[in-house]
N, C-alpha and C. Protein backbone atom coordinates (compact mmCIF):
# COMPACT_ATOMS: atom_id res chain seq x y z
N MET A 1 29.00 -126.24 -36.20
CA MET A 1 28.93 -126.00 -37.83
C MET A 1 30.38 -126.72 -38.01
N GLY A 2 31.44 -125.91 -37.55
CA GLY A 2 32.75 -126.43 -37.86
C GLY A 2 33.32 -127.77 -37.88
N GLY A 3 32.73 -128.42 -36.95
CA GLY A 3 32.80 -130.06 -36.61
C GLY A 3 32.49 -130.65 -38.11
N GLY A 4 31.00 -130.58 -38.01
CA GLY A 4 30.36 -131.10 -39.24
C GLY A 4 31.25 -130.98 -40.72
N MET A 5 31.56 -129.74 -40.83
CA MET A 5 32.42 -128.99 -42.03
C MET A 5 33.71 -130.05 -42.14
N ALA A 6 34.25 -129.96 -40.96
CA ALA A 6 35.53 -130.87 -40.85
C ALA A 6 35.62 -132.31 -41.29
N ARG A 7 34.62 -132.70 -40.57
CA ARG A 7 34.26 -134.43 -40.89
C ARG A 7 34.21 -134.50 -42.21
N ASN A 8 33.28 -133.78 -43.09
CA ASN A 8 33.04 -134.07 -44.44
C ASN A 8 34.30 -133.94 -45.48
N LEU A 9 35.27 -132.82 -44.76
CA LEU A 9 36.37 -132.70 -45.72
C LEU A 9 37.32 -133.82 -45.24
N LEU A 10 37.31 -134.37 -44.21
CA LEU A 10 38.11 -135.59 -43.83
C LEU A 10 37.63 -137.02 -44.61
N ASP A 11 35.98 -137.16 -44.72
CA ASP A 11 35.57 -138.03 -45.54
C ASP A 11 36.13 -138.25 -46.89
N VAL A 12 36.31 -137.23 -47.42
CA VAL A 12 36.75 -137.20 -49.04
C VAL A 12 38.19 -136.81 -49.10
N GLY A 13 38.79 -137.28 -47.98
CA GLY A 13 40.53 -137.34 -47.98
C GLY A 13 41.29 -135.93 -47.97
N TYR A 14 40.49 -134.85 -47.61
CA TYR A 14 41.34 -133.73 -47.49
C TYR A 14 41.94 -133.51 -46.12
N PRO A 15 43.31 -133.12 -46.14
CA PRO A 15 44.11 -133.00 -44.66
C PRO A 15 43.02 -131.80 -44.05
N VAL A 16 43.01 -131.99 -42.62
CA VAL A 16 42.31 -130.99 -41.92
C VAL A 16 43.16 -130.69 -40.57
N SER A 17 43.35 -129.57 -40.36
CA SER A 17 43.99 -128.90 -39.04
C SER A 17 42.90 -128.45 -38.46
N VAL A 18 42.71 -128.63 -37.13
CA VAL A 18 41.66 -128.01 -36.38
C VAL A 18 42.10 -127.23 -35.04
N CYS A 19 41.64 -126.13 -34.65
CA CYS A 19 41.75 -125.12 -33.45
C CYS A 19 40.55 -124.85 -33.02
N ASP A 20 40.45 -125.18 -31.96
CA ASP A 20 39.06 -124.68 -31.04
C ASP A 20 39.46 -124.49 -29.59
N LEU A 21 38.54 -123.42 -28.94
CA LEU A 21 38.94 -123.46 -27.51
C LEU A 21 38.44 -124.72 -26.83
N ASP A 22 37.37 -125.51 -27.57
CA ASP A 22 37.17 -126.70 -26.83
C ASP A 22 37.73 -127.83 -27.13
N ALA A 23 38.70 -128.15 -26.16
CA ALA A 23 39.61 -129.42 -26.58
C ALA A 23 38.97 -130.77 -26.84
N LYS A 24 37.64 -131.06 -26.33
CA LYS A 24 37.01 -132.14 -26.59
C LYS A 24 36.30 -132.25 -28.05
N LYS A 25 36.06 -131.05 -28.55
CA LYS A 25 36.17 -130.94 -30.07
C LYS A 25 37.11 -131.25 -30.88
N VAL A 26 38.05 -130.99 -30.55
CA VAL A 26 39.41 -130.94 -31.25
C VAL A 26 39.89 -132.53 -31.10
N ALA A 27 39.75 -132.81 -29.95
CA ALA A 27 40.22 -134.50 -29.67
C ALA A 27 39.15 -135.50 -30.73
N THR A 28 37.85 -135.21 -30.70
CA THR A 28 36.86 -135.81 -31.49
C THR A 28 37.47 -135.88 -33.11
N LEU A 29 37.92 -134.78 -33.38
CA LEU A 29 38.33 -134.68 -34.98
C LEU A 29 39.68 -135.31 -34.97
N VAL A 30 40.61 -135.13 -34.15
CA VAL A 30 41.84 -135.79 -34.10
C VAL A 30 41.81 -137.27 -34.30
N ASP A 31 40.65 -137.79 -33.71
CA ASP A 31 40.55 -139.35 -33.63
C ASP A 31 40.18 -139.64 -34.81
N ARG A 32 39.48 -138.80 -35.69
CA ARG A 32 38.86 -139.15 -36.99
C ARG A 32 39.99 -138.88 -38.27
N GLY A 33 41.31 -138.17 -37.68
CA GLY A 33 42.28 -137.91 -38.55
C GLY A 33 42.84 -136.58 -38.82
N ALA A 34 42.13 -135.84 -38.03
CA ALA A 34 42.39 -134.14 -38.32
C ALA A 34 43.79 -134.17 -37.30
N ALA A 35 44.55 -133.09 -37.75
CA ALA A 35 45.69 -132.48 -37.03
C ALA A 35 45.19 -131.46 -36.00
N SER A 36 45.63 -131.46 -35.03
CA SER A 36 45.52 -130.45 -33.80
C SER A 36 46.42 -129.18 -34.13
N SER A 37 45.87 -128.18 -34.09
CA SER A 37 46.75 -126.84 -34.15
C SER A 37 46.56 -126.06 -32.98
N PRO A 38 47.88 -125.40 -32.48
CA PRO A 38 47.52 -124.91 -31.37
C PRO A 38 47.01 -123.49 -31.36
N SER A 39 46.97 -122.78 -32.52
CA SER A 39 46.60 -121.29 -32.30
C SER A 39 45.87 -121.04 -33.62
N PRO A 40 45.29 -120.00 -33.78
CA PRO A 40 44.78 -119.52 -35.25
C PRO A 40 45.80 -119.24 -36.26
N ARG A 41 46.82 -118.70 -35.61
CA ARG A 41 48.01 -118.04 -36.14
C ARG A 41 48.78 -119.47 -36.87
N GLU A 42 48.81 -120.42 -36.07
CA GLU A 42 49.61 -121.58 -36.62
C GLU A 42 48.77 -122.43 -37.67
N THR A 43 47.34 -122.24 -37.37
CA THR A 43 46.63 -122.92 -38.41
C THR A 43 46.74 -122.37 -39.96
N VAL A 44 46.68 -121.01 -40.00
CA VAL A 44 46.98 -120.06 -41.06
C VAL A 44 48.20 -120.40 -41.62
N ALA A 45 49.24 -120.42 -40.93
CA ALA A 45 50.81 -120.42 -41.12
C ALA A 45 51.01 -121.68 -41.89
N ASN A 46 50.28 -122.92 -41.48
CA ASN A 46 50.73 -124.28 -41.82
C ASN A 46 49.76 -124.87 -42.91
N ASN A 47 48.71 -123.92 -43.28
CA ASN A 47 47.89 -124.41 -44.40
C ASN A 47 47.74 -123.43 -45.42
N ASP A 48 47.40 -124.01 -46.65
CA ASP A 48 47.29 -123.22 -47.75
C ASP A 48 45.80 -122.31 -47.97
N VAL A 49 44.99 -123.31 -47.34
CA VAL A 49 43.56 -122.62 -47.25
C VAL A 49 43.05 -122.92 -45.65
N THR A 50 42.54 -121.85 -45.24
CA THR A 50 41.90 -122.07 -43.76
C THR A 50 40.64 -121.36 -43.86
N LEU A 51 39.64 -122.17 -43.46
CA LEU A 51 38.51 -121.79 -43.29
C LEU A 51 37.78 -121.63 -41.95
N PHE A 52 37.16 -120.62 -41.18
CA PHE A 52 37.04 -120.36 -39.95
C PHE A 52 35.32 -120.30 -39.76
N SER A 53 34.85 -120.91 -38.85
CA SER A 53 33.48 -120.90 -38.62
C SER A 53 33.22 -120.37 -37.17
N GLN A 54 32.76 -119.43 -37.07
CA GLN A 54 32.57 -118.48 -35.83
C GLN A 54 31.22 -117.98 -35.86
N PRO A 55 30.72 -117.78 -34.52
CA PRO A 55 29.16 -117.62 -34.75
C PRO A 55 28.67 -116.31 -35.12
N THR A 56 29.93 -115.53 -34.95
CA THR A 56 29.18 -113.85 -35.47
C THR A 56 30.53 -113.28 -36.00
N SER A 57 29.99 -112.06 -36.77
CA SER A 57 31.11 -111.51 -37.58
C SER A 57 31.96 -110.68 -36.42
N GLY A 58 31.77 -110.30 -35.32
CA GLY A 58 32.41 -109.79 -34.27
C GLY A 58 33.46 -111.07 -33.70
N THR A 59 33.05 -112.28 -33.72
CA THR A 59 34.06 -112.97 -33.07
C THR A 59 35.05 -113.23 -34.15
N PHE A 60 34.70 -113.43 -35.51
CA PHE A 60 35.66 -113.46 -36.62
C PHE A 60 36.78 -112.27 -36.53
N ILE A 61 36.31 -111.03 -36.53
CA ILE A 61 37.10 -109.94 -36.23
C ILE A 61 38.00 -110.21 -34.95
N THR A 62 37.56 -110.68 -33.89
CA THR A 62 38.36 -110.56 -32.57
C THR A 62 39.45 -111.75 -32.88
N VAL A 63 39.27 -112.80 -33.29
CA VAL A 63 39.84 -113.79 -33.68
C VAL A 63 41.07 -113.68 -34.66
N ALA A 64 40.49 -112.86 -35.62
CA ALA A 64 41.50 -112.04 -36.91
C ALA A 64 42.68 -111.32 -36.50
N GLU A 65 42.30 -110.60 -35.34
CA GLU A 65 43.12 -109.38 -35.06
C GLU A 65 43.96 -109.54 -33.73
N ALA A 66 43.68 -110.81 -33.12
CA ALA A 66 44.46 -111.04 -31.65
C ALA A 66 45.88 -111.20 -32.12
N GLU A 67 46.60 -111.15 -31.20
CA GLU A 67 48.20 -111.30 -31.40
C GLU A 67 48.49 -112.66 -31.94
N ASP A 68 47.79 -113.67 -31.47
CA ASP A 68 48.00 -115.14 -32.06
C ASP A 68 47.03 -115.36 -33.18
N GLY A 69 46.52 -114.41 -33.62
CA GLY A 69 45.13 -114.62 -34.61
C GLY A 69 45.51 -115.11 -35.78
N ARG A 70 44.55 -115.29 -36.60
CA ARG A 70 44.68 -115.82 -38.02
C ARG A 70 45.41 -115.05 -38.86
N LEU A 71 45.27 -113.61 -38.75
CA LEU A 71 46.20 -112.81 -39.71
C LEU A 71 47.50 -112.82 -39.38
N ALA A 72 47.89 -113.03 -38.22
CA ALA A 72 49.23 -113.00 -37.92
C ALA A 72 50.01 -114.21 -38.69
N GLY A 73 49.41 -115.31 -39.02
CA GLY A 73 49.92 -116.35 -39.67
C GLY A 73 49.92 -116.35 -41.26
N ALA A 74 49.40 -115.22 -41.75
CA ALA A 74 48.78 -115.16 -43.30
C ALA A 74 49.69 -114.38 -43.86
N ASP A 75 50.05 -114.81 -45.31
CA ASP A 75 50.70 -114.08 -46.21
C ASP A 75 50.22 -114.19 -47.59
N ASP A 76 50.38 -113.36 -48.67
CA ASP A 76 49.85 -113.59 -49.83
C ASP A 76 49.35 -114.82 -50.30
N SER A 77 50.20 -115.65 -49.96
CA SER A 77 49.93 -117.22 -50.71
C SER A 77 48.87 -117.95 -50.02
N LYS A 78 48.26 -117.43 -48.98
CA LYS A 78 47.26 -118.19 -48.17
C LYS A 78 45.90 -117.26 -48.48
N ILE A 79 44.76 -118.59 -48.40
CA ILE A 79 43.48 -118.20 -48.38
C ILE A 79 42.92 -118.46 -46.95
N VAL A 80 42.42 -117.34 -46.49
CA VAL A 80 41.79 -117.22 -45.23
C VAL A 80 40.35 -116.74 -45.26
N ALA A 81 39.42 -117.61 -44.94
CA ALA A 81 38.02 -117.13 -45.06
C ALA A 81 37.12 -117.46 -43.89
N ALA A 82 36.49 -116.52 -43.86
CA ALA A 82 35.07 -116.88 -42.93
C ALA A 82 34.02 -117.34 -43.66
N THR A 83 33.45 -118.37 -42.94
CA THR A 83 32.35 -119.26 -43.63
C THR A 83 31.29 -118.63 -43.48
N ALA A 84 30.53 -118.44 -44.71
CA ALA A 84 28.97 -117.74 -44.49
C ALA A 84 28.19 -118.88 -45.18
N TYR A 85 27.21 -119.46 -44.41
CA TYR A 85 26.38 -120.58 -44.87
C TYR A 85 25.00 -120.20 -44.32
N GLY A 86 23.90 -120.66 -45.18
CA GLY A 86 22.50 -120.25 -44.97
C GLY A 86 21.92 -121.55 -45.19
N GLY A 87 21.43 -121.98 -44.57
CA GLY A 87 20.49 -123.60 -44.66
C GLY A 87 21.35 -124.72 -44.74
N GLY A 88 20.54 -125.74 -44.77
CA GLY A 88 21.34 -126.77 -44.88
C GLY A 88 21.83 -127.59 -43.43
N ASP A 89 22.71 -128.64 -43.90
CA ASP A 89 22.87 -129.36 -42.54
C ASP A 89 24.44 -129.38 -42.58
N ALA A 90 25.34 -128.98 -41.78
CA ALA A 90 26.81 -129.23 -41.97
C ALA A 90 27.26 -130.69 -41.81
N ASP A 91 26.33 -131.49 -41.00
CA ASP A 91 26.85 -133.06 -40.86
C ASP A 91 26.58 -133.70 -42.39
N LYS A 92 25.56 -133.24 -42.80
CA LYS A 92 25.30 -134.11 -44.07
C LYS A 92 26.08 -133.45 -45.30
N GLY A 93 26.53 -132.40 -45.02
CA GLY A 93 27.46 -131.69 -46.20
C GLY A 93 26.25 -130.95 -47.32
N THR A 94 25.27 -130.61 -46.72
CA THR A 94 24.31 -129.95 -47.51
C THR A 94 24.03 -128.41 -47.24
N LEU A 95 25.37 -127.83 -46.96
CA LEU A 95 25.22 -126.28 -46.57
C LEU A 95 25.03 -125.43 -47.83
N ALA A 96 24.60 -124.36 -47.88
CA ALA A 96 24.37 -123.45 -48.92
C ALA A 96 25.52 -122.42 -48.61
N ALA A 97 26.53 -122.33 -49.54
CA ALA A 97 27.69 -121.51 -49.11
C ALA A 97 27.58 -120.19 -50.18
N MET A 98 27.52 -118.98 -49.35
CA MET A 98 27.74 -118.00 -49.88
C MET A 98 28.92 -117.25 -49.93
N VAL A 99 29.50 -117.09 -51.27
CA VAL A 99 31.10 -116.69 -51.34
C VAL A 99 31.23 -115.49 -51.85
N GLY A 100 32.24 -114.93 -51.09
CA GLY A 100 32.75 -113.48 -51.52
C GLY A 100 34.17 -113.45 -51.96
N GLY A 101 34.66 -113.03 -52.93
CA GLY A 101 36.33 -112.99 -52.87
C GLY A 101 36.60 -113.10 -54.48
N ASP A 102 37.74 -112.84 -54.77
CA ASP A 102 38.30 -112.72 -56.14
C ASP A 102 38.18 -114.02 -56.74
N ASP A 103 37.92 -113.88 -58.18
CA ASP A 103 37.79 -115.14 -59.03
C ASP A 103 38.88 -116.21 -58.57
N ASP A 104 40.09 -116.03 -58.82
CA ASP A 104 41.16 -116.80 -58.57
C ASP A 104 41.18 -117.66 -57.26
N PRO A 105 41.07 -117.13 -56.07
CA PRO A 105 41.00 -117.57 -54.91
C PRO A 105 39.81 -118.60 -54.88
N VAL A 106 38.55 -118.16 -55.47
CA VAL A 106 37.56 -118.69 -55.25
C VAL A 106 37.55 -119.89 -56.08
N GLU A 107 38.09 -119.90 -57.35
CA GLU A 107 38.38 -121.11 -58.00
C GLU A 107 39.01 -122.28 -57.34
N ARG A 108 40.29 -121.81 -56.70
CA ARG A 108 41.17 -122.62 -55.90
C ARG A 108 40.35 -123.21 -54.71
N VAL A 109 39.55 -122.57 -54.20
CA VAL A 109 38.74 -123.36 -52.65
C VAL A 109 37.64 -123.96 -53.42
N LEU A 110 37.06 -123.79 -54.39
CA LEU A 110 35.54 -124.35 -54.98
C LEU A 110 35.49 -125.89 -54.64
N PRO A 111 36.48 -126.67 -54.93
CA PRO A 111 36.15 -128.07 -54.60
C PRO A 111 36.12 -128.43 -53.19
N ILE A 112 36.68 -127.75 -52.41
CA ILE A 112 36.82 -127.63 -50.74
C ILE A 112 35.38 -127.34 -50.39
N LEU A 113 34.65 -126.11 -50.81
CA LEU A 113 33.64 -125.71 -50.52
C LEU A 113 32.55 -126.76 -51.08
N GLN A 114 32.54 -127.36 -51.92
CA GLN A 114 31.71 -128.20 -52.38
C GLN A 114 31.55 -129.56 -51.93
N ALA A 115 32.79 -129.80 -51.04
CA ALA A 115 32.56 -130.87 -50.30
C ALA A 115 31.95 -130.76 -48.96
N ILE A 116 31.67 -129.50 -48.49
CA ILE A 116 30.81 -129.32 -47.28
C ILE A 116 29.49 -128.43 -47.68
N GLY A 117 29.29 -128.16 -48.82
CA GLY A 117 27.85 -127.48 -49.17
C GLY A 117 27.49 -128.06 -50.63
N ASN A 118 26.38 -128.15 -50.95
CA ASN A 118 25.76 -128.58 -52.22
C ASN A 118 25.16 -127.68 -52.91
N ASN A 119 25.29 -126.31 -52.49
CA ASN A 119 24.78 -125.17 -53.37
C ASN A 119 25.69 -124.12 -52.89
N VAL A 120 26.75 -123.90 -53.62
CA VAL A 120 27.97 -122.88 -53.50
C VAL A 120 27.73 -121.90 -54.60
N VAL A 121 27.69 -120.39 -54.23
CA VAL A 121 27.27 -119.39 -55.22
C VAL A 121 28.16 -118.39 -54.88
N HIS A 122 29.16 -117.88 -55.90
CA HIS A 122 29.92 -116.88 -55.60
C HIS A 122 29.23 -115.61 -56.12
N LEU A 123 29.37 -114.65 -54.93
CA LEU A 123 28.30 -113.43 -55.03
C LEU A 123 29.20 -112.11 -55.39
N GLY A 124 30.50 -112.21 -55.36
CA GLY A 124 31.20 -111.08 -55.80
C GLY A 124 32.20 -110.80 -55.09
N PRO A 125 33.06 -109.69 -54.73
CA PRO A 125 34.22 -109.80 -54.11
C PRO A 125 34.33 -109.74 -52.63
N SER A 126 35.47 -109.95 -52.00
CA SER A 126 35.58 -110.14 -50.52
C SER A 126 34.50 -109.20 -49.78
N GLY A 127 33.81 -110.12 -49.03
CA GLY A 127 32.70 -109.46 -47.95
C GLY A 127 31.24 -109.78 -48.54
N ALA A 128 31.07 -110.08 -49.78
CA ALA A 128 29.74 -110.35 -50.42
C ALA A 128 28.93 -111.45 -49.92
N GLY A 129 29.90 -112.38 -49.43
CA GLY A 129 29.19 -113.63 -48.80
C GLY A 129 28.74 -113.20 -47.61
N GLN A 130 29.37 -112.62 -46.58
CA GLN A 130 29.06 -112.16 -45.46
C GLN A 130 27.54 -111.35 -45.39
N LEU A 131 27.88 -110.35 -46.48
CA LEU A 131 26.73 -109.40 -46.63
C LEU A 131 25.53 -110.06 -46.80
N ARG A 132 25.60 -111.13 -47.86
CA ARG A 132 24.46 -111.94 -48.36
C ARG A 132 23.77 -112.66 -47.12
N LYS A 133 24.72 -113.16 -46.39
CA LYS A 133 24.29 -113.89 -45.05
C LYS A 133 23.44 -112.82 -44.32
N ALA A 134 24.23 -111.84 -44.13
CA ALA A 134 23.24 -110.71 -42.96
C ALA A 134 21.86 -110.41 -43.65
N VAL A 135 21.83 -110.08 -44.78
CA VAL A 135 20.61 -109.71 -45.45
C VAL A 135 19.76 -111.14 -45.61
N ASN A 136 20.12 -112.09 -45.60
CA ASN A 136 19.44 -113.64 -45.29
C ASN A 136 18.86 -113.59 -43.88
N GLN A 137 19.53 -113.34 -42.61
CA GLN A 137 19.30 -113.30 -41.49
C GLN A 137 18.38 -112.38 -40.98
N ILE A 138 18.19 -111.16 -41.53
CA ILE A 138 17.46 -110.12 -41.27
C ILE A 138 16.19 -110.33 -41.84
N ALA A 139 15.92 -110.91 -43.32
CA ALA A 139 14.93 -111.23 -44.05
C ALA A 139 14.06 -112.46 -42.95
N MET A 140 14.82 -113.31 -42.55
CA MET A 140 14.23 -114.67 -41.55
C MET A 140 13.75 -114.13 -40.42
N ALA A 141 14.46 -113.02 -39.90
CA ALA A 141 13.80 -112.42 -38.66
C ALA A 141 12.60 -111.71 -38.71
């Protein structure tokens, strides 16, 4: 999913840095114009906005709390978010984005989110998007 999101951002002119354990995924995006980042920490430190796409909340937490993880590169000027999407197609830019966070940071990233999803909904404070995604997954099961 992250690859499709990155390609859509590149297609509309956003600068994109990528970090992944799979070097082939990184190389494919670098070939399209993305920059390669050596670690989650460096990704966050070198960008104003960082979106992470991980398969589970547990993976997000593990990467966030690692010594060279995303939180190590963050300060108050950075927006760091897990992506919570339900439905749609990452490659086509038609994801439904369930967003949690304070109003100002959400407004800052809204154009970015709209480049990767055609249905972006701000659901409330931080964590509200992940909660809605979990409810959606349970309901679908």
